[in-house]
Amino acid sequence: MPFTLSGKSLVGRLMLSFCLLAFLLMLLVSVGSLSLYWV
C-alpha cells in the first residue's frame, strides 16, 4: 500500500484523524439521541 510510505504518512495520518473524528461524531449523535429518548 502506498499510504504506508514515509512520503504519504501525512495523508495516512489525515485519513486516520478524519475517521476518528467521524467515529466521535457518530458516538456523540447516538448518545444525544439516547439522552433525548430518556428525557
C-alpha atoms as a PDB file:
ATOM      1  CA  MET A   1       0.000   0.000   0.000  1.00  0.00           C
ATOM      2  CA  PRO A   2       1.405   3.429  -0.963  1.00  0.00           C
ATOM      3  CA  PHE A   3      -0.076   5.034   2.161  1.00  0.00           C
ATOM      4  CA  THR A   4       2.477   3.263   4.375  1.00  0.00           C
ATOM      5  CA  LEU A   5       5.405   5.097   2.738  1.00  0.00           C
ATOM      6  CA  SER A   6       7.101   7.902   4.656  1.00  0.00           C
ATOM      7  CA  GLY A   7       6.100  10.364   1.926  1.00  0.00           C
ATOM      8  CA  LYS A   8       2.418   9.564   2.336  1.00  0.00           C
ATOM      9  CA  SER A   9       2.444   9.348   6.143  1.00  0.00           C
ATOM     10  CA  LEU A  10       0.759  12.763   6.320  1.00  0.00           C
ATOM     11  CA  VAL A  11      -2.114  11.541   4.131  1.00  0.00           C
ATOM     12  CA  GLY A  12      -2.487   8.391   6.235  1.00  0.00           C
ATOM     13  CA  ARG A  13      -2.464  10.416   9.435  1.00  0.00           C
ATOM     14  CA  LEU A  14      -5.065  12.794   7.992  1.00  0.00           C
ATOM     15  CA  MET A  15      -7.315   9.888   6.982  1.00  0.00           C
ATOM     16  CA  LEU A  16      -6.908   8.295  10.421  1.00  0.00           C
ATOM     17  CA  SER A  17      -7.778  11.544  12.213  1.00  0.00           C
ATOM     18  CA  PHE A  18     -10.777  12.045   9.898  1.00  0.00           C
ATOM     19  CA  CYS A  19     -12.063   8.515  10.619  1.00  0.00           C
ATOM     20  CA  LEU A  20     -11.592   9.097  14.357  1.00  0.00           C
ATOM     21  CA  LEU A  21     -13.454  12.413  14.151  1.00  0.00           C
ATOM     22  CA  ALA A  22     -16.319  10.777  12.231  1.00  0.00           C
ATOM     23  CA  PHE A  23     -16.496   7.979  14.834  1.00  0.00           C
ATOM     24  CA  LEU A  24     -16.605  10.510  17.692  1.00  0.00           C
ATOM     25  CA  LEU A  25     -19.315  12.482  15.884  1.00  0.00           C
ATOM     26  CA  MET A  26     -21.427   9.341  15.406  1.00  0.00           C
ATOM     27  CA  LEU A  27     -20.930   8.434  19.076  1.00  0.00           C
ATOM     28  CA  LEU A  28     -21.960  11.935  20.165  1.00  0.00           C
ATOM     29  CA  VAL A  29     -25.078  11.821  17.973  1.00  0.00           C
ATOM     30  CA  SER A  30     -26.072   8.365  19.280  1.00  0.00           C
ATOM     31  CA  VAL A  31     -25.565   9.433  22.911  1.00  0.00           C
ATOM     32  CA  GLY A  32     -27.514  12.640  22.258  1.00  0.00           C
ATOM     33  CA  SER A  33     -30.434  10.734  20.717  1.00  0.00           C
ATOM     34  CA  LEU A  34     -30.414   8.233  23.603  1.00  0.00           C
ATOM     35  CA  SER A  35     -30.481  11.033  26.193  1.00  0.00           C
ATOM     36  CA  LEU A  36     -33.285  12.680  24.197  1.00  0.00           C
ATOM     37  CA  TYR A  37     -35.275   9.430  24.328  1.00  0.00           C
ATOM     38  CA  TRP A  38     -34.688   9.072  28.073  1.00  0.00           C
ATOM     39  CA  VAL A  39     -35.964  12.593  28.829  1.00  0.00           C
END
